[in-house]
Structure formats: structure tokens, C-alpha cells
Amino acid sequence: MSANRNEVFEIRGVNHLALVCKDMARTVEFYRDVLGMPLTKTIDLPNGKGQHFFFDIGNGDSLAFFWFPDAPEAAPGVAAPSALPTRGNIASAHGSMNHIAFDVPVEKFDEYAARLRERGVDVTDVFNHDNSERQASPDVTDDVFVRSIYFFDPDGVCLEFAAWTHALGPKDIAHDPVRADGTKAVGVILKDAITAE
């Protein structure tokens, strides 16, 4: 969504994001059969160490899953959020993967939300992210920059369908980042904001 360029490395997107599932067959049924993502590669790891499967998520990017026979149980609230956004605490531990947002066309967003519900997926209400104090609008206004719905996969991975409503620009970089001790690192974003103008 941004016209900014990486001048150091030619990073073209996400090759793949690898997650861990409890049941590969159930994972295939959800991602291929419910979400419609083509299964593109399957691997049986050597010496019975598990499996590694890949799904096409568009733009040449993949979502991959490992299955390990002796993997530890899931730890909601630690390794992943214990609730969906708008339904409870979404915090997860440092180094965890909080959620995956799949980019969908804004003109098909409402249709896709309805389609997920028709397929038996428990999705949140639509969240129209804006710049207000609440950071949400019940309606799509000129201030809404992305529309979202959230849902869990069978292993409790938090997923999102997200649709940008307009291009982002320098005015969208407006907050100083917070350090580990809770203080703001004043002036850190200034370089990016000036470069983007």
C-alpha cells in the first residue's frame, strides 16, 4: 500500500510464514476447503519428524504449516492471543505471532465477511479502523483507512481479512514508538516521515 522503497535489500514480500498445527488434515480442510487457498507443496519430514505443507495466499506468497508429532500444546495468551479483537484481550508474548492479516479487495469485503459466516466460521463484527479516539467507526467514512474482520483457525491462530480503503501517506506516520520501559522514543519516526514527503 506504500510507495516507499527498500534501498538496502530487494524484499518483494513474504515468501512464506510458517506456523505449527496440531492436525494437518484438519488444517488442509480449513485453509484449502473453507478459505479456498490452493495447497501447493507437501513435505514429509525425514525420520518421522513431521510434515510441512504450503498454501498459496496470493501474489506468489505462501502460508506454511509444520506438524510435529511431539509438539507442545498451544498456549493461548502466551504464544498467541486468547481472544479475537473486539472480544477480549489480544495481547501475546514478546516474539509471538499475534495474527495474520490477509489482504482482500475493499469492494468484496462485505461479501467475503458474509461468505465466511455462511461457511460456519465464527467471525467478529466488521471493525472499521479510523483515526478517532475510539479508533473505530460504525460506518465507512473518509477517515476509515482499513476494514477488518477477525476469526480463529482450528488451532487458535488469529486470522484477519483486511481491506485498505485508501493509500497510506506521510500523514499516517504520526506516533512516537514506545520503549520497553514505557517511555516514548521522541523523534525516532521523524526520519521516515521526512523521507516519505
C-alpha atoms as a PDB file:
ATOM      1  CA  MET A   1       0.000   0.000   0.000  1.00  0.00           C
ATOM      2  CA  SER A   2       3.055   2.236   0.355  1.00  0.00           C
ATOM      3  CA  ALA A   3       5.232   3.662  -2.416  1.00  0.00           C
ATOM      4  CA  ASN A   4       8.311   3.633  -0.149  1.00  0.00           C
ATOM      5  CA  ARG A   5      11.245   1.547  -1.400  1.00  0.00           C
ATOM      6  CA  ASN A   6      13.790  -0.519   0.472  1.00  0.00           C
ATOM      7  CA  GLU A   7      17.151   0.799  -0.711  1.00  0.00           C
ATOM      8  CA  VAL A   8      19.142  -1.887   1.170  1.00  0.00           C
ATOM      9  CA  PHE A   9      17.535  -5.190   0.099  1.00  0.00           C
ATOM     10  CA  GLU A  10      15.100  -6.054  -2.696  1.00  0.00           C
ATOM     11  CA  ILE A  11      12.486  -7.648  -0.455  1.00  0.00           C
ATOM     12  CA  ARG A  12       9.475  -8.432  -2.615  1.00  0.00           C
ATOM     13  CA  GLY A  13       7.010  -9.573   0.021  1.00  0.00           C
ATOM     14  CA  VAL A  14       6.547 -12.630   2.212  1.00  0.00           C
ATOM     15  CA  ASN A  15       7.895 -15.843   0.699  1.00  0.00           C
ATOM     16  CA  HIS A  16       6.150 -17.833   3.428  1.00  0.00           C
ATOM     17  CA  LEU A  17       5.137 -17.633   7.043  1.00  0.00           C
ATOM     18  CA  ALA A  18       5.491 -20.965   8.849  1.00  0.00           C
ATOM     19  CA  LEU A  19       3.140 -21.883  11.709  1.00  0.00           C
ATOM     20  CA  VAL A  20       2.599 -25.096  13.668  1.00  0.00           C
ATOM     21  CA  CYS A  21      -0.655 -27.078  13.625  1.00  0.00           C
ATOM     22  CA  LYS A  22      -1.943 -29.972  15.752  1.00  0.00           C
ATOM     23  CA  ASP A  23      -3.701 -31.850  12.924  1.00  0.00           C
ATOM     24  CA  MET A  24      -2.500 -31.381   9.323  1.00  0.00           C
ATOM     25  CA  ALA A  25      -5.622 -32.951   7.794  1.00  0.00           C
ATOM     26  CA  ARG A  26      -7.857 -30.518   9.716  1.00  0.00           C
ATOM     27  CA  THR A  27      -5.559 -27.649   8.669  1.00  0.00           C
ATOM     28  CA  VAL A  28      -5.860 -28.636   4.988  1.00  0.00           C
ATOM     29  CA  GLU A  29      -9.636 -28.874   5.331  1.00  0.00           C
ATOM     30  CA  PHE A  30      -9.796 -25.351   6.804  1.00  0.00           C
ATOM     31  CA  TYR A  31      -7.312 -23.457   4.627  1.00  0.00           C
ATOM     32  CA  ARG A  32      -8.000 -25.271   1.326  1.00  0.00           C
ATOM     33  CA  ASP A  33     -11.659 -26.206   1.649  1.00  0.00           C
ATOM     34  CA  VAL A  34     -13.072 -23.350   3.767  1.00  0.00           C
ATOM     35  CA  LEU A  35     -10.779 -20.427   2.828  1.00  0.00           C
ATOM     36  CA  GLY A  36     -10.093 -21.697  -0.718  1.00  0.00           C
ATOM     37  CA  MET A  37      -6.283 -21.450  -0.567  1.00  0.00           C
ATOM     38  CA  PRO A  38      -4.649 -23.870  -3.022  1.00  0.00           C
ATOM     39  CA  LEU A  39      -2.335 -26.450  -1.463  1.00  0.00           C
ATOM     40  CA  THR A  40       0.926 -26.023  -3.404  1.00  0.00           C
ATOM     41  CA  LYS A  41       3.564 -28.210  -1.714  1.00  0.00           C
ATOM     42  CA  THR A  42       3.580 -31.086   0.763  1.00  0.00           C
ATOM     43  CA  ILE A  43       6.635 -32.491   2.544  1.00  0.00           C
ATOM     44  CA  ASP A  44       7.016 -35.490   4.836  1.00  0.00           C
ATOM     45  CA  LEU A  45       9.994 -34.609   7.034  1.00  0.00           C
ATOM     46  CA  PRO A  46      12.710 -37.287   7.253  1.00  0.00           C
ATOM     47  CA  ASN A  47      12.824 -39.866  10.034  1.00  0.00           C
ATOM     48  CA  GLY A  48       9.169 -39.355  11.021  1.00  0.00           C
ATOM     49  CA  LYS A  49       9.829 -35.834  12.297  1.00  0.00           C
ATOM     50  CA  GLY A  50       6.547 -34.480  10.922  1.00  0.00           C
ATOM     51  CA  GLN A  51       5.152 -32.694   7.889  1.00  0.00           C
ATOM     52  CA  HIS A  52       5.466 -29.284   6.200  1.00  0.00           C
ATOM     53  CA  PHE A  53       2.637 -28.107   3.876  1.00  0.00           C
ATOM     54  CA  PHE A  54       2.320 -24.858   1.887  1.00  0.00           C
ATOM     55  CA  PHE A  55      -0.780 -22.913   0.791  1.00  0.00           C
ATOM     56  CA  ASP A  56      -0.923 -20.151  -1.846  1.00  0.00           C
ATOM     57  CA  ILE A  57      -2.154 -16.868  -0.300  1.00  0.00           C
ATOM     58  CA  GLY A  58      -1.779 -14.790  -3.486  1.00  0.00           C
ATOM     59  CA  ASN A  59       0.915 -12.574  -5.016  1.00  0.00           C
ATOM     60  CA  GLY A  60       3.341 -15.515  -5.014  1.00  0.00           C
ATOM     61  CA  ASP A  61       3.291 -15.637  -1.175  1.00  0.00           C
ATOM     62  CA  SER A  62       2.650 -18.734   0.906  1.00  0.00           C
ATOM     63  CA  LEU A  63       1.357 -19.704   4.321  1.00  0.00           C
ATOM     64  CA  ALA A  64       3.051 -22.865   5.564  1.00  0.00           C
ATOM     65  CA  PHE A  65       2.364 -25.236   8.436  1.00  0.00           C
ATOM     66  CA  PHE A  66       4.521 -27.708  10.284  1.00  0.00           C
ATOM     67  CA  TRP A  67       3.066 -30.712  12.067  1.00  0.00           C
ATOM     68  CA  PHE A  68       5.367 -32.219  14.705  1.00  0.00           C
ATOM     69  CA  PRO A  69       4.290 -35.461  16.428  1.00  0.00           C
ATOM     70  CA  ASP A  70       5.577 -34.314  19.837  1.00  0.00           C
ATOM     71  CA  ALA A  71       4.872 -30.563  19.703  1.00  0.00           C
ATOM     72  CA  PRO A  72       3.858 -28.863  22.968  1.00  0.00           C
ATOM     73  CA  GLU A  73       0.211 -27.927  23.404  1.00  0.00           C
ATOM     74  CA  ALA A  74      -0.977 -24.456  22.387  1.00  0.00           C
ATOM     75  CA  ALA A  75      -0.551 -21.619  24.900  1.00  0.00           C
ATOM     76  CA  PRO A  76      -3.292 -19.011  24.245  1.00  0.00           C
ATOM     77  CA  GLY A  77      -2.480 -15.725  25.909  1.00  0.00           C
ATOM     78  CA  VAL A  78       1.238 -16.501  25.640  1.00  0.00           C
ATOM     79  CA  ALA A  79       2.184 -17.694  22.159  1.00  0.00           C
ATOM     80  CA  ALA A  80      -0.983 -16.258  20.608  1.00  0.00           C
ATOM     81  CA  PRO A  81      -3.889 -14.042  21.707  1.00  0.00           C
ATOM     82  CA  SER A  82      -6.539 -15.717  23.837  1.00  0.00           C
ATOM     83  CA  ALA A  83      -9.403 -13.711  22.279  1.00  0.00           C
ATOM     84  CA  LEU A  84     -10.308 -12.146  18.962  1.00  0.00           C
ATOM     85  CA  PRO A  85     -10.013  -8.361  18.616  1.00  0.00           C
ATOM     86  CA  THR A  86     -13.218  -6.701  19.897  1.00  0.00           C
ATOM     87  CA  ARG A  87     -13.946  -9.815  22.029  1.00  0.00           C
ATOM     88  CA  GLY A  88     -11.294  -9.679  24.733  1.00  0.00           C
ATOM     89  CA  ASN A  89      -7.587  -9.485  25.498  1.00  0.00           C
ATOM     90  CA  ILE A  90      -5.482  -9.653  22.320  1.00  0.00           C
ATOM     91  CA  ALA A  91      -2.051  -9.442  23.980  1.00  0.00           C
ATOM     92  CA  SER A  92       0.521 -12.156  23.313  1.00  0.00           C
ATOM     93  CA  ALA A  93       4.124 -12.676  24.440  1.00  0.00           C
ATOM     94  CA  HIS A  94       7.232 -10.987  23.045  1.00  0.00           C
ATOM     95  CA  GLY A  95       8.385 -12.872  19.969  1.00  0.00           C
ATOM     96  CA  SER A  96       4.965 -14.409  19.373  1.00  0.00           C
ATOM     97  CA  MET A  97       2.936 -14.090  16.190  1.00  0.00           C
ATOM     98  CA  ASN A  98      -0.197 -12.181  17.140  1.00  0.00           C
ATOM     99  CA  HIS A  99      -2.244 -12.610  13.957  1.00  0.00           C
ATOM    100  CA  ILE A 100      -2.107 -12.895  10.161  1.00  0.00           C
ATOM    101  CA  ALA A 101      -3.998 -10.334   8.080  1.00  0.00           C
ATOM    102  CA  PHE A 102      -4.910 -11.458   4.569  1.00  0.00           C
ATOM    103  CA  ASP A 103      -5.348  -8.583   2.132  1.00  0.00           C
ATOM    104  CA  VAL A 104      -8.733  -8.670   0.378  1.00  0.00           C
ATOM    105  CA  PRO A 105     -10.288  -6.232  -2.122  1.00  0.00           C
ATOM    106  CA  VAL A 106     -12.258  -3.466  -0.417  1.00  0.00           C
ATOM    107  CA  GLU A 107     -15.100  -3.826  -2.926  1.00  0.00           C
ATOM    108  CA  LYS A 108     -15.550  -7.502  -1.925  1.00  0.00           C
ATOM    109  CA  PHE A 109     -15.030  -7.081   1.828  1.00  0.00           C
ATOM    110  CA  ASP A 110     -18.689  -7.316   2.939  1.00  0.00           C
ATOM    111  CA  GLU A 111     -19.323 -10.212   0.550  1.00  0.00           C
ATOM    112  CA  TYR A 112     -16.335 -12.090   1.971  1.00  0.00           C
ATOM    113  CA  ALA A 113     -17.445 -11.493   5.565  1.00  0.00           C
ATOM    114  CA  ALA A 114     -20.845 -12.976   4.708  1.00  0.00           C
ATOM    115  CA  ARG A 115     -19.217 -15.888   2.869  1.00  0.00           C
ATOM    116  CA  LEU A 116     -17.117 -16.801   5.920  1.00  0.00           C
ATOM    117  CA  ARG A 117     -20.247 -16.838   8.086  1.00  0.00           C
ATOM    118  CA  GLU A 118     -22.053 -19.000   5.502  1.00  0.00           C
ATOM    119  CA  ARG A 119     -19.147 -21.466   5.748  1.00  0.00           C
ATOM    120  CA  GLY A 120     -19.613 -21.750   9.506  1.00  0.00           C
ATOM    121  CA  VAL A 121     -16.694 -19.552  10.551  1.00  0.00           C
ATOM    122  CA  ASP A 122     -17.241 -17.540  13.750  1.00  0.00           C
ATOM    123  CA  VAL A 123     -16.137 -14.036  12.709  1.00  0.00           C
ATOM    124  CA  THR A 124     -16.206 -10.765  14.611  1.00  0.00           C
ATOM    125  CA  ASP A 125     -18.346  -7.845  13.594  1.00  0.00           C
ATOM    126  CA  VAL A 126     -16.718  -5.600  10.996  1.00  0.00           C
ATOM    127  CA  PHE A 127     -14.150  -3.257  12.516  1.00  0.00           C
ATOM    128  CA  ASN A 128     -13.710  -0.027  10.528  1.00  0.00           C
ATOM    129  CA  HIS A 129     -10.352   1.324  11.748  1.00  0.00           C
ATOM    130  CA  ASP A 130     -10.156   5.116  11.790  1.00  0.00           C
ATOM    131  CA  ASN A 131      -8.139   7.876  13.479  1.00  0.00           C
ATOM    132  CA  SER A 132     -10.772   8.807  16.087  1.00  0.00           C
ATOM    133  CA  GLU A 133     -10.228   8.418  19.827  1.00  0.00           C
ATOM    134  CA  ARG A 134     -12.063   5.054  19.746  1.00  0.00           C
ATOM    135  CA  GLN A 135     -10.149   4.083  16.568  1.00  0.00           C
ATOM    136  CA  ALA A 136     -13.326   2.579  15.165  1.00  0.00           C
ATOM    137  CA  SER A 137     -16.297   3.785  13.176  1.00  0.00           C
ATOM    138  CA  PRO A 138     -19.672   2.058  12.830  1.00  0.00           C
ATOM    139  CA  ASP A 139     -19.766   3.344   9.235  1.00  0.00           C
ATOM    140  CA  VAL A 140     -17.238   3.646   6.429  1.00  0.00           C
ATOM    141  CA  THR A 141     -16.172   7.298   6.439  1.00  0.00           C
ATOM    142  CA  ASP A 142     -13.355   9.202   4.727  1.00  0.00           C
ATOM    143  CA  ASP A 143     -11.306   8.690   7.920  1.00  0.00           C
ATOM    144  CA  VAL A 144     -11.518   4.852   7.806  1.00  0.00           C
ATOM    145  CA  PHE A 145      -8.199   3.522   6.482  1.00  0.00           C
ATOM    146  CA  VAL A 146      -8.763  -0.251   6.741  1.00  0.00           C
ATOM    147  CA  ARG A 147     -11.737  -2.562   7.302  1.00  0.00           C
ATOM    148  CA  SER A 148     -11.236  -5.784   9.269  1.00  0.00           C
ATOM    149  CA  ILE A 149     -12.932  -8.954  10.432  1.00  0.00           C
ATOM    150  CA  TYR A 150     -11.200 -11.484  12.683  1.00  0.00           C
ATOM    151  CA  PHE A 151     -11.552 -15.231  13.237  1.00  0.00           C
ATOM    152  CA  PHE A 152      -9.596 -18.209  14.587  1.00  0.00           C
ATOM    153  CA  ASP A 153      -8.323 -21.176  12.614  1.00  0.00           C
ATOM    154  CA  PRO A 154      -8.778 -24.676  14.118  1.00  0.00           C
ATOM    155  CA  ASP A 155      -5.567 -24.306  16.183  1.00  0.00           C
ATOM    156  CA  GLY A 156      -6.424 -20.881  17.596  1.00  0.00           C
ATOM    157  CA  VAL A 157      -4.318 -18.851  15.141  1.00  0.00           C
ATOM    158  CA  CYS A 158      -5.910 -15.415  14.904  1.00  0.00           C
ATOM    159  CA  LEU A 159      -6.669 -14.537  11.272  1.00  0.00           C
ATOM    160  CA  GLU A 160      -7.924 -11.315   9.727  1.00  0.00           C
ATOM    161  CA  PHE A 161      -9.395 -10.298   6.395  1.00  0.00           C
ATOM    162  CA  ALA A 162      -8.232  -6.706   5.902  1.00  0.00           C
ATOM    163  CA  ALA A 163      -9.121  -4.261   3.123  1.00  0.00           C
ATOM    164  CA  TRP A 164      -7.288  -0.941   2.751  1.00  0.00           C
ATOM    165  CA  THR A 165      -9.709   1.841   1.836  1.00  0.00           C
ATOM    166  CA  HIS A 166      -7.093   4.293   0.523  1.00  0.00           C
ATOM    167  CA  ALA A 167      -3.349   4.670   0.016  1.00  0.00           C
ATOM    168  CA  LEU A 168      -1.297   5.490   3.103  1.00  0.00           C
ATOM    169  CA  GLY A 169       0.999   8.515   3.154  1.00  0.00           C
ATOM    170  CA  PRO A 170       3.239  10.654   5.381  1.00  0.00           C
ATOM    171  CA  LYS A 171       0.275  11.860   7.495  1.00  0.00           C
ATOM    172  CA  ASP A 172      -0.231   8.250   8.601  1.00  0.00           C
ATOM    173  CA  ILE A 173       3.134   8.206  10.422  1.00  0.00           C
ATOM    174  CA  ALA A 174       2.286  10.288  13.476  1.00  0.00           C
ATOM    175  CA  HIS A 175       3.195   8.454  16.699  1.00  0.00           C
ATOM    176  CA  ASP A 176       6.482   8.070  18.540  1.00  0.00           C
ATOM    177  CA  PRO A 177       7.339   4.433  19.341  1.00  0.00           C
ATOM    178  CA  VAL A 178       7.378   3.277  22.968  1.00  0.00           C
ATOM    179  CA  ARG A 179      10.473   1.708  24.545  1.00  0.00           C
ATOM    180  CA  ALA A 180      10.402  -1.383  26.809  1.00  0.00           C
ATOM    181  CA  ASP A 181      10.204   0.852  29.903  1.00  0.00           C
ATOM    182  CA  GLY A 182       7.051   2.582  28.579  1.00  0.00           C
ATOM    183  CA  THR A 183       8.697   5.890  27.614  1.00  0.00           C
ATOM    184  CA  LYS A 184       8.244   7.345  24.153  1.00  0.00           C
ATOM    185  CA  ALA A 185      11.294   7.498  21.871  1.00  0.00           C
ATOM    186  CA  VAL A 186      10.662  11.058  20.707  1.00  0.00           C
ATOM    187  CA  GLY A 187      11.964  11.897  17.246  1.00  0.00           C
ATOM    188  CA  VAL A 188      12.590   8.298  16.091  1.00  0.00           C
ATOM    189  CA  ILE A 189       9.898   8.399  13.384  1.00  0.00           C
ATOM    190  CA  LEU A 190      10.890  11.840  12.136  1.00  0.00           C
ATOM    191  CA  LYS A 191      13.399  10.393   9.633  1.00  0.00           C
ATOM    192  CA  ASP A 192      10.760   8.206   7.942  1.00  0.00           C
ATOM    193  CA  ALA A 193       8.156  10.978   7.875  1.00  0.00           C
ATOM    194  CA  ILE A 194      10.594  13.419   6.219  1.00  0.00           C
ATOM    195  CA  THR A 195      11.840  10.789   3.738  1.00  0.00           C
ATOM    196  CA  ALA A 196       8.267   9.956   2.697  1.00  0.00           C
ATOM    197  CA  GLU A 197       7.395  13.568   1.807  1.00  0.00           C
END
